[in-house]
Amino acid sequence: MTEIHSGKLIAGRFRCRRRLANGGRVTIWNADDIHRSTGVVVKVPQISARSVGGFPAFNHRVAILRELTTGSTPPLVPTIYDKGTLETGRPYLVQSLVDGQLATELQCGDRHKALGRLCSRLCQFARGLHRHGLVHTDLRPQNIGTLDSGAYRVLDLGGVNERTRCADCGVYPAAGAGNQCSACGASLTDSAPQIDLPAMSFRPPELATTEVVGPWSDVYSIGRILEHVQANLWESTATLIPQSLLERATANPHERFQTPTDLLCAVESVRKSA
């Protein structure tokens, strides 16, 4: 079997240079697009992610990425240049390389405007996933890049999981529903997604408990990102978003803003009154 390695040419066009990341689900390589003379990233699922039917989870994420790339202006994720299958049978995805760091754009210009745009883009991205019954669960500063134009891109969908759904009746339970479906009374324990324990404070705490996971879980991560920006990037600047609003964004699931739209409306209200 031919594995990806430095120097490997994919589709006669993308030459791999070095491995950037090797996560539990996807391996990411830095590569050169020899047709366009530009840098790209190549993403390939781990062999362990394969099932009897191939790599359905990876292919499903690629389909969603294509929608997020073409369904909004500007796009929410890096541009997709190619997708296909390697000699080993593993699928691959090629996307544009985003070098910019989140902090770069946020430290320049109108900070009120920059923070509002960041919140808006993250909420728009999260809503795109939620329409598919998915939650990201791993939004954090390291997963957000900024182009030279100042546009944001979410770089990593490795933590995406299906939101909690009752296996018996198919209903999505509300935040704080506990272990029992309110519609049919079935146990939600077997319906909860299998998610690793949170490794960072940006990941919602319900991932480590039996609490149901839903859109409010991504609200938690976005709230923590906004809090992080204010506390670590703008130490000499007056608080732009009140702590009371951030506390509600990161409260217990049933006390939290339930959707990204709820959070964004609250943030926009604060910005307009500033």
C-alpha atoms as a PDB file:
ATOM      1  CA  MET A   1       0.000   0.000   0.000  1.00  0.00           C
ATOM      2  CA  THR A   2       1.227   3.489  -0.883  1.00  0.00           C
ATOM      3  CA  GLU A   3       1.007   5.829   2.103  1.00  0.00           C
ATOM      4  CA  ILE A   4       1.301   9.586   2.066  1.00  0.00           C
ATOM      5  CA  HIS A   5       4.858  10.802   2.571  1.00  0.00           C
ATOM      6  CA  SER A   6       6.965  13.859   1.902  1.00  0.00           C
ATOM      7  CA  GLY A   7       7.313  14.254  -1.859  1.00  0.00           C
ATOM      8  CA  LYS A   8       4.236  12.221  -2.738  1.00  0.00           C
ATOM      9  CA  LEU A   9       2.272  13.627  -5.696  1.00  0.00           C
ATOM     10  CA  ILE A  10      -1.520  13.404  -5.451  1.00  0.00           C
ATOM     11  CA  ALA A  11      -3.730  13.650  -8.546  1.00  0.00           C
ATOM     12  CA  GLY A  12      -0.666  14.711 -10.559  1.00  0.00           C
ATOM     13  CA  ARG A  13      -0.947  18.140  -8.978  1.00  0.00           C
ATOM     14  CA  PHE A  14      -0.514  18.327  -5.192  1.00  0.00           C
ATOM     15  CA  ARG A  15       2.974  17.505  -3.880  1.00  0.00           C
ATOM     16  CA  CYS A  16       3.070  16.808  -0.136  1.00  0.00           C
ATOM     17  CA  ARG A  17       5.828  18.541   1.796  1.00  0.00           C
ATOM     18  CA  ARG A  18       5.401  17.952   5.533  1.00  0.00           C
ATOM     19  CA  ARG A  19       2.802  16.685   7.960  1.00  0.00           C
ATOM     20  CA  LEU A  20       1.109  19.489   9.884  1.00  0.00           C
ATOM     21  CA  ALA A  21      -1.090  17.464  12.229  1.00  0.00           C
ATOM     22  CA  ASN A  22      -1.916  13.873  13.016  1.00  0.00           C
ATOM     23  CA  GLY A  23      -5.190  13.805  14.946  1.00  0.00           C
ATOM     24  CA  GLY A  24      -7.407  10.954  16.006  1.00  0.00           C
ATOM     25  CA  ARG A  25      -9.471  11.127  12.826  1.00  0.00           C
ATOM     26  CA  VAL A  26      -7.576  13.045  10.149  1.00  0.00           C
ATOM     27  CA  THR A  27      -3.959  13.538   9.071  1.00  0.00           C
ATOM     28  CA  ILE A  28      -3.187  16.978   7.601  1.00  0.00           C
ATOM     29  CA  TRP A  29      -0.320  17.657   5.205  1.00  0.00           C
ATOM     30  CA  ASN A  30       1.140  20.876   3.861  1.00  0.00           C
ATOM     31  CA  ALA A  31       1.469  20.577   0.093  1.00  0.00           C
ATOM     32  CA  ASP A  32       2.226  22.572  -3.063  1.00  0.00           C
ATOM     33  CA  ASP A  33      -0.286  22.962  -5.876  1.00  0.00           C
ATOM     34  CA  ILE A  34       2.169  22.734  -8.756  1.00  0.00           C
ATOM     35  CA  HIS A  35      -0.461  23.976 -11.232  1.00  0.00           C
ATOM     36  CA  ARG A  36      -1.150  27.168  -9.334  1.00  0.00           C
ATOM     37  CA  SER A  37       2.217  27.596  -7.566  1.00  0.00           C
ATOM     38  CA  THR A  38       0.547  28.018  -4.203  1.00  0.00           C
ATOM     39  CA  GLY A  39       0.374  26.258  -0.867  1.00  0.00           C
ATOM     40  CA  VAL A  40      -2.542  23.983   0.082  1.00  0.00           C
ATOM     41  CA  VAL A  41      -3.436  21.495   2.791  1.00  0.00           C
ATOM     42  CA  VAL A  42      -4.301  17.855   2.141  1.00  0.00           C
ATOM     43  CA  LYS A  43      -6.558  16.065   4.629  1.00  0.00           C
ATOM     44  CA  VAL A  44      -6.772  12.276   4.758  1.00  0.00           C
ATOM     45  CA  PRO A  45      -8.802  10.211   7.278  1.00  0.00           C
ATOM     46  CA  GLN A  46      -6.958   7.831   9.558  1.00  0.00           C
ATOM     47  CA  ILE A  47      -7.206   4.122   8.725  1.00  0.00           C
ATOM     48  CA  SER A  48      -8.904   3.653  12.108  1.00  0.00           C
ATOM     49  CA  ALA A  49     -11.799   5.827  10.867  1.00  0.00           C
ATOM     50  CA  ARG A  50     -12.704   3.282   8.197  1.00  0.00           C
ATOM     51  CA  SER A  51     -15.881   1.236   8.564  1.00  0.00           C
ATOM     52  CA  VAL A  52     -17.373  -1.643   6.557  1.00  0.00           C
ATOM     53  CA  GLY A  53     -18.746   0.887   4.080  1.00  0.00           C
ATOM     54  CA  GLY A  54     -15.504   2.830   3.716  1.00  0.00           C
ATOM     55  CA  PHE A  55     -15.116   6.310   5.189  1.00  0.00           C
ATOM     56  CA  PRO A  56     -18.708   7.601   5.451  1.00  0.00           C
ATOM     57  CA  ALA A  57     -18.034  10.085   8.259  1.00  0.00           C
ATOM     58  CA  PHE A  58     -15.185  11.783   6.370  1.00  0.00           C
ATOM     59  CA  ASN A  59     -17.147  11.892   3.116  1.00  0.00           C
ATOM     60  CA  HIS A  60     -20.173  13.333   4.921  1.00  0.00           C
ATOM     61  CA  ARG A  61     -18.018  16.114   6.387  1.00  0.00           C
ATOM     62  CA  VAL A  62     -16.616  16.882   2.940  1.00  0.00           C
ATOM     63  CA  ALA A  63     -20.160  17.273   1.600  1.00  0.00           C
ATOM     64  CA  ILE A  64     -20.980  19.708   4.410  1.00  0.00           C
ATOM     65  CA  LEU A  65     -17.738  21.615   3.826  1.00  0.00           C
ATOM     66  CA  ARG A  66     -18.678  22.056   0.169  1.00  0.00           C
ATOM     67  CA  GLU A  67     -21.994  23.565   1.242  1.00  0.00           C
ATOM     68  CA  LEU A  68     -20.318  25.876   3.751  1.00  0.00           C
ATOM     69  CA  THR A  69     -17.830  26.927   1.061  1.00  0.00           C
ATOM     70  CA  THR A  70     -20.415  27.799  -1.572  1.00  0.00           C
ATOM     71  CA  GLY A  71     -23.469  28.670   0.501  1.00  0.00           C
ATOM     72  CA  SER A  72     -22.275  31.959   1.993  1.00  0.00           C
ATOM     73  CA  THR A  73     -20.348  35.076   1.015  1.00  0.00           C
ATOM     74  CA  PRO A  74     -17.592  35.161   2.008  1.00  0.00           C
ATOM     75  CA  PRO A  75     -17.127  31.397   2.560  1.00  0.00           C
ATOM     76  CA  LEU A  76     -16.937  30.108   6.130  1.00  0.00           C
ATOM     77  CA  VAL A  77     -14.224  27.498   5.560  1.00  0.00           C
ATOM     78  CA  PRO A  78     -11.085  27.318   3.377  1.00  0.00           C
ATOM     79  CA  THR A  79     -11.720  26.874  -0.355  1.00  0.00           C
ATOM     80  CA  ILE A  80     -11.947  23.292  -1.597  1.00  0.00           C
ATOM     81  CA  TYR A  81      -9.697  22.654  -4.599  1.00  0.00           C
ATOM     82  CA  ASP A  82     -10.060  18.918  -5.031  1.00  0.00           C
ATOM     83  CA  LYS A  83     -11.315  15.675  -3.505  1.00  0.00           C
ATOM     84  CA  GLY A  84     -10.755  12.103  -4.562  1.00  0.00           C
ATOM     85  CA  THR A  85      -9.443   8.685  -3.563  1.00  0.00           C
ATOM     86  CA  LEU A  86      -5.847   7.560  -3.016  1.00  0.00           C
ATOM     87  CA  GLU A  87      -4.388   4.275  -4.262  1.00  0.00           C
ATOM     88  CA  THR A  88      -5.028   2.820  -0.800  1.00  0.00           C
ATOM     89  CA  GLY A  89      -8.765   3.494  -1.058  1.00  0.00           C
ATOM     90  CA  ARG A  90      -8.656   6.348   1.421  1.00  0.00           C
ATOM     91  CA  PRO A  91     -10.414   9.560   0.363  1.00  0.00           C
ATOM     92  CA  TYR A  92      -8.593  12.882   0.457  1.00  0.00           C
ATOM     93  CA  LEU A  93      -9.569  16.541   0.524  1.00  0.00           C
ATOM     94  CA  VAL A  94      -7.474  19.493  -0.691  1.00  0.00           C
ATOM     95  CA  GLN A  95      -8.171  22.977   0.691  1.00  0.00           C
ATOM     96  CA  SER A  96      -6.570  26.399   0.512  1.00  0.00           C
ATOM     97  CA  LEU A  97      -3.845  27.143   3.035  1.00  0.00           C
ATOM     98  CA  VAL A  98      -4.754  29.824   5.593  1.00  0.00           C
ATOM     99  CA  ASP A  99      -1.624  31.190   7.279  1.00  0.00           C
ATOM    100  CA  GLY A 100      -3.147  34.129   9.143  1.00  0.00           C
ATOM    101  CA  GLN A 101      -3.691  33.952  12.894  1.00  0.00           C
ATOM    102  CA  LEU A 102      -6.858  35.002  14.672  1.00  0.00           C
ATOM    103  CA  ALA A 103      -5.043  37.553  16.823  1.00  0.00           C
ATOM    104  CA  THR A 104      -3.593  39.456  13.858  1.00  0.00           C
ATOM    105  CA  GLU A 105      -6.842  40.877  12.546  1.00  0.00           C
ATOM    106  CA  LEU A 106      -8.363  41.411  15.978  1.00  0.00           C
ATOM    107  CA  GLN A 107      -5.503  43.606  17.171  1.00  0.00           C
ATOM    108  CA  CYS A 108      -5.912  46.049  14.295  1.00  0.00           C
ATOM    109  CA  GLY A 109      -8.550  48.644  13.488  1.00  0.00           C
ATOM    110  CA  ASP A 110     -11.953  49.039  15.132  1.00  0.00           C
ATOM    111  CA  ARG A 111     -12.072  46.443  17.900  1.00  0.00           C
ATOM    112  CA  HIS A 112     -15.824  46.741  18.385  1.00  0.00           C
ATOM    113  CA  LYS A 113     -16.296  45.971  14.705  1.00  0.00           C
ATOM    114  CA  ALA A 114     -13.696  43.182  14.691  1.00  0.00           C
ATOM    115  CA  LEU A 115     -15.225  41.432  17.700  1.00  0.00           C
ATOM    116  CA  GLY A 116     -18.733  41.733  16.270  1.00  0.00           C
ATOM    117  CA  ARG A 117     -17.597  40.306  12.937  1.00  0.00           C
ATOM    118  CA  LEU A 118     -15.840  37.402  14.652  1.00  0.00           C
ATOM    119  CA  CYS A 119     -18.973  36.561  16.639  1.00  0.00           C
ATOM    120  CA  SER A 120     -21.152  36.849  13.537  1.00  0.00           C
ATOM    121  CA  ARG A 121     -18.950  34.557  11.450  1.00  0.00           C
ATOM    122  CA  LEU A 122     -18.639  31.897  14.143  1.00  0.00           C
ATOM    123  CA  CYS A 123     -22.397  31.922  14.733  1.00  0.00           C
ATOM    124  CA  GLN A 124     -23.050  31.670  11.007  1.00  0.00           C
ATOM    125  CA  PHE A 125     -20.643  28.740  10.759  1.00  0.00           C
ATOM    126  CA  ALA A 126     -22.245  26.960  13.732  1.00  0.00           C
ATOM    127  CA  ARG A 127     -25.747  27.436  12.298  1.00  0.00           C
ATOM    128  CA  GLY A 128     -24.582  25.806   9.057  1.00  0.00           C
ATOM    129  CA  LEU A 129     -23.570  22.685  10.987  1.00  0.00           C
ATOM    130  CA  HIS A 130     -26.678  22.694  13.143  1.00  0.00           C
ATOM    131  CA  ARG A 131     -28.892  22.553  10.045  1.00  0.00           C
ATOM    132  CA  HIS A 132     -27.362  19.121   9.437  1.00  0.00           C
ATOM    133  CA  GLY A 133     -27.959  17.934  12.997  1.00  0.00           C
ATOM    134  CA  LEU A 134     -24.274  18.376  13.853  1.00  0.00           C
ATOM    135  CA  VAL A 135     -22.334  20.321  16.476  1.00  0.00           C
ATOM    136  CA  HIS A 136     -18.667  21.304  16.232  1.00  0.00           C
ATOM    137  CA  THR A 137     -17.783  20.924  19.961  1.00  0.00           C
ATOM    138  CA  ASP A 138     -14.171  22.079  19.392  1.00  0.00           C
ATOM    139  CA  LEU A 139     -14.289  25.728  18.310  1.00  0.00           C
ATOM    140  CA  ARG A 140     -11.221  27.487  19.734  1.00  0.00           C
ATOM    141  CA  PRO A 141      -8.778  30.214  18.698  1.00  0.00           C
ATOM    142  CA  GLN A 142      -6.333  27.692  17.225  1.00  0.00           C
ATOM    143  CA  ASN A 143      -9.052  26.539  14.814  1.00  0.00           C
ATOM    144  CA  ILE A 144      -9.737  30.016  13.418  1.00  0.00           C
ATOM    145  CA  GLY A 145      -7.607  31.615  10.720  1.00  0.00           C
ATOM    146  CA  THR A 146      -7.683  35.081   9.175  1.00  0.00           C
ATOM    147  CA  LEU A 147      -6.996  35.935   5.545  1.00  0.00           C
ATOM    148  CA  ASP A 148      -5.166  39.093   4.470  1.00  0.00           C
ATOM    149  CA  SER A 149      -8.578  40.584   3.710  1.00  0.00           C
ATOM    150  CA  GLY A 150      -9.611  40.122   7.346  1.00  0.00           C
ATOM    151  CA  ALA A 151     -12.108  37.356   6.540  1.00  0.00           C
ATOM    152  CA  TYR A 152     -12.307  34.481   9.016  1.00  0.00           C
ATOM    153  CA  ARG A 153     -12.114  30.782   8.206  1.00  0.00           C
ATOM    154  CA  VAL A 154     -12.806  27.826  10.524  1.00  0.00           C
ATOM    155  CA  LEU A 155      -9.925  25.464   9.809  1.00  0.00           C
ATOM    156  CA  ASP A 156     -10.789  22.210  11.547  1.00  0.00           C
ATOM    157  CA  LEU A 157     -13.892  20.021  11.597  1.00  0.00           C
ATOM    158  CA  GLY A 158     -12.162  17.147  13.376  1.00  0.00           C
ATOM    159  CA  GLY A 159     -14.314  17.529  16.492  1.00  0.00           C
ATOM    160  CA  VAL A 160     -17.660  17.599  14.678  1.00  0.00           C
ATOM    161  CA  ASN A 161     -20.225  15.180  16.088  1.00  0.00           C
ATOM    162  CA  GLU A 162     -23.907  14.452  15.726  1.00  0.00           C
ATOM    163  CA  ARG A 163     -26.005  16.264  18.324  1.00  0.00           C
ATOM    164  CA  THR A 164     -27.845  14.117  20.842  1.00  0.00           C
ATOM    165  CA  ARG A 165     -30.954  12.550  19.335  1.00  0.00           C
ATOM    166  CA  CYS A 166     -33.360  10.001  20.800  1.00  0.00           C
ATOM    167  CA  ALA A 167     -32.651   6.657  19.142  1.00  0.00           C
ATOM    168  CA  ASP A 168     -36.281   5.573  19.600  1.00  0.00           C
ATOM    169  CA  CYS A 169     -38.344   8.520  18.330  1.00  0.00           C
ATOM    170  CA  GLY A 170     -35.734  10.717  16.617  1.00  0.00           C
ATOM    171  CA  VAL A 171     -36.496  13.838  18.684  1.00  0.00           C
ATOM    172  CA  TYR A 172     -33.693  16.268  19.530  1.00  0.00           C
ATOM    173  CA  PRO A 173     -33.895  16.821  23.309  1.00  0.00           C
ATOM    174  CA  ALA A 174     -33.599  20.284  24.799  1.00  0.00           C
ATOM    175  CA  ALA A 175     -30.696  21.489  26.924  1.00  0.00           C
ATOM    176  CA  GLY A 176     -30.763  20.020  30.428  1.00  0.00           C
ATOM    177  CA  ALA A 177     -33.033  17.155  29.354  1.00  0.00           C
ATOM    178  CA  GLY A 178     -31.072  14.692  31.456  1.00  0.00           C
ATOM    179  CA  ASN A 179     -31.080  10.995  30.569  1.00  0.00           C
ATOM    180  CA  GLN A 180     -34.682  10.583  29.479  1.00  0.00           C
ATOM    181  CA  CYS A 181     -36.434  11.677  26.282  1.00  0.00           C
ATOM    182  CA  SER A 182     -39.322  14.024  27.111  1.00  0.00           C
ATOM    183  CA  ALA A 183     -41.234  12.879  24.007  1.00  0.00           C
ATOM    184  CA  CYS A 184     -41.247   9.086  24.409  1.00  0.00           C
ATOM    185  CA  GLY A 185     -39.565   8.451  27.761  1.00  0.00           C
ATOM    186  CA  ALA A 186     -36.720   6.397  26.276  1.00  0.00           C
ATOM    187  CA  SER A 187     -33.251   6.532  27.778  1.00  0.00           C
ATOM    188  CA  LEU A 188     -30.891   8.978  26.107  1.00  0.00           C
ATOM    189  CA  THR A 189     -27.765   7.280  27.439  1.00  0.00           C
ATOM    190  CA  ASP A 190     -27.294   5.153  24.310  1.00  0.00           C
ATOM    191  CA  SER A 191     -28.177   8.095  22.065  1.00  0.00           C
ATOM    192  CA  ALA A 192     -25.458  10.410  23.341  1.00  0.00           C
ATOM    193  CA  PRO A 193     -22.539  10.882  20.907  1.00  0.00           C
ATOM    194  CA  GLN A 194     -19.264   9.230  21.847  1.00  0.00           C
ATOM    195  CA  ILE A 195     -17.031  12.239  22.446  1.00  0.00           C
ATOM    196  CA  ASP A 196     -13.620  12.479  24.052  1.00  0.00           C
ATOM    197  CA  LEU A 197     -13.414  14.318  27.364  1.00  0.00           C
ATOM    198  CA  PRO A 198     -12.786  18.034  26.906  1.00  0.00           C
ATOM    199  CA  ALA A 199      -9.114  18.866  26.620  1.00  0.00           C
ATOM    200  CA  MET A 200      -9.490  22.634  26.793  1.00  0.00           C
ATOM    201  CA  SER A 201     -11.709  25.214  28.442  1.00  0.00           C
ATOM    202  CA  PHE A 202     -13.200  26.076  25.042  1.00  0.00           C
ATOM    203  CA  ARG A 203     -14.968  22.718  24.825  1.00  0.00           C
ATOM    204  CA  PRO A 204     -18.413  22.594  26.487  1.00  0.00           C
ATOM    205  CA  PRO A 205     -18.427  20.809  29.866  1.00  0.00           C
ATOM    206  CA  GLU A 206     -21.445  18.668  28.953  1.00  0.00           C
ATOM    207  CA  LEU A 207     -19.140  16.587  26.751  1.00  0.00           C
ATOM    208  CA  ALA A 208     -17.721  15.038  29.907  1.00  0.00           C
ATOM    209  CA  THR A 209     -21.129  14.273  31.447  1.00  0.00           C
ATOM    210  CA  THR A 210     -24.375  12.613  30.463  1.00  0.00           C
ATOM    211  CA  GLU A 211     -25.868  15.974  29.451  1.00  0.00           C
ATOM    212  CA  VAL A 212     -27.294  16.161  25.940  1.00  0.00           C
ATOM    213  CA  VAL A 213     -25.268  17.964  23.271  1.00  0.00           C
ATOM    214  CA  GLY A 214     -26.853  20.523  20.955  1.00  0.00           C
ATOM    215  CA  PRO A 215     -26.508  24.023  19.457  1.00  0.00           C
ATOM    216  CA  TRP A 216     -26.023  25.466  22.951  1.00  0.00           C
ATOM    217  CA  SER A 217     -22.767  23.482  23.121  1.00  0.00           C
ATOM    218  CA  ASP A 218     -21.232  25.562  20.332  1.00  0.00           C
ATOM    219  CA  VAL A 219     -22.617  28.707  21.999  1.00  0.00           C
ATOM    220  CA  TYR A 220     -20.405  27.826  24.975  1.00  0.00           C
ATOM    221  CA  SER A 221     -17.287  27.628  22.791  1.00  0.00           C
ATOM    222  CA  ILE A 222     -18.049  30.901  20.999  1.00  0.00           C
ATOM    223  CA  GLY A 223     -18.626  32.607  24.364  1.00  0.00           C
ATOM    224  CA  ARG A 224     -15.271  31.334  25.632  1.00  0.00           C
ATOM    225  CA  ILE A 225     -13.530  32.582  22.475  1.00  0.00           C
ATOM    226  CA  LEU A 226     -15.001  36.067  22.916  1.00  0.00           C
ATOM    227  CA  GLU A 227     -13.985  35.996  26.575  1.00  0.00           C
ATOM    228  CA  HIS A 228     -10.471  34.870  25.629  1.00  0.00           C
ATOM    229  CA  VAL A 229     -10.091  37.680  23.090  1.00  0.00           C
ATOM    230  CA  GLN A 230     -11.060  40.351  25.607  1.00  0.00           C
ATOM    231  CA  ALA A 231      -8.943  38.954  28.429  1.00  0.00           C
ATOM    232  CA  ASN A 232      -5.778  38.123  26.484  1.00  0.00           C
ATOM    233  CA  LEU A 233      -5.569  40.361  23.426  1.00  0.00           C
ATOM    234  CA  TRP A 234      -7.001  43.602  24.707  1.00  0.00           C
ATOM    235  CA  GLU A 235      -5.773  43.874  28.289  1.00  0.00           C
ATOM    236  CA  SER A 236      -5.551  47.667  28.131  1.00  0.00           C
ATOM    237  CA  THR A 237      -8.961  48.128  26.519  1.00  0.00           C
ATOM    238  CA  ALA A 238     -12.284  48.540  28.312  1.00  0.00           C
ATOM    239  CA  THR A 239     -14.525  45.482  28.138  1.00  0.00           C
ATOM    240  CA  LEU A 240     -16.509  45.514  24.907  1.00  0.00           C
ATOM    241  CA  ILE A 241     -18.903  42.695  25.841  1.00  0.00           C
ATOM    242  CA  PRO A 242     -20.248  42.747  29.430  1.00  0.00           C
ATOM    243  CA  GLN A 243     -19.152  39.894  31.654  1.00  0.00           C
ATOM    244  CA  SER A 244     -22.804  39.181  32.427  1.00  0.00           C
ATOM    245  CA  LEU A 245     -23.443  38.362  28.763  1.00  0.00           C
ATOM    246  CA  LEU A 246     -20.376  36.118  28.557  1.00  0.00           C
ATOM    247  CA  GLU A 247     -21.452  34.341  31.741  1.00  0.00           C
ATOM    248  CA  ARG A 248     -24.813  33.584  30.180  1.00  0.00           C
ATOM    249  CA  ALA A 249     -23.100  32.250  27.054  1.00  0.00           C
ATOM    250  CA  THR A 250     -21.031  29.855  29.190  1.00  0.00           C
ATOM    251  CA  ALA A 251     -23.575  29.002  31.909  1.00  0.00           C
ATOM    252  CA  ASN A 252     -25.124  25.590  32.550  1.00  0.00           C
ATOM    253  CA  PRO A 253     -26.761  24.240  29.359  1.00  0.00           C
ATOM    254  CA  HIS A 254     -30.365  25.039  30.300  1.00  0.00           C
ATOM    255  CA  GLU A 255     -29.414  28.596  31.414  1.00  0.00           C
ATOM    256  CA  ARG A 256     -27.259  29.312  28.360  1.00  0.00           C
ATOM    257  CA  PHE A 257     -28.224  31.055  25.123  1.00  0.00           C
ATOM    258  CA  GLN A 258     -29.829  28.125  23.308  1.00  0.00           C
ATOM    259  CA  THR A 259     -28.756  29.004  19.764  1.00  0.00           C
ATOM    260  CA  PRO A 260     -25.974  31.000  18.105  1.00  0.00           C
ATOM    261  CA  THR A 261     -28.645  33.414  16.868  1.00  0.00           C
ATOM    262  CA  ASP A 262     -29.640  34.188  20.467  1.00  0.00           C
ATOM    263  CA  LEU A 263     -26.020  34.935  21.344  1.00  0.00           C
ATOM    264  CA  LEU A 264     -25.414  37.032  18.238  1.00  0.00           C
ATOM    265  CA  CYS A 265     -28.537  39.145  18.851  1.00  0.00           C
ATOM    266  CA  ALA A 266     -27.337  39.874  22.400  1.00  0.00           C
ATOM    267  CA  VAL A 267     -23.846  40.830  21.206  1.00  0.00           C
ATOM    268  CA  GLU A 268     -25.210  43.055  18.424  1.00  0.00           C
ATOM    269  CA  SER A 269     -27.488  44.798  20.926  1.00  0.00           C
ATOM    270  CA  VAL A 270     -24.502  45.614  23.124  1.00  0.00           C
ATOM    271  CA  ARG A 271     -22.484  46.898  20.162  1.00  0.00           C
ATOM    272  CA  LYS A 272     -25.285  49.188  18.983  1.00  0.00           C
ATOM    273  CA  SER A 273     -25.700  50.705  22.420  1.00  0.00           C
ATOM    274  CA  ALA A 274     -21.953  51.261  22.923  1.00  0.00           C
END
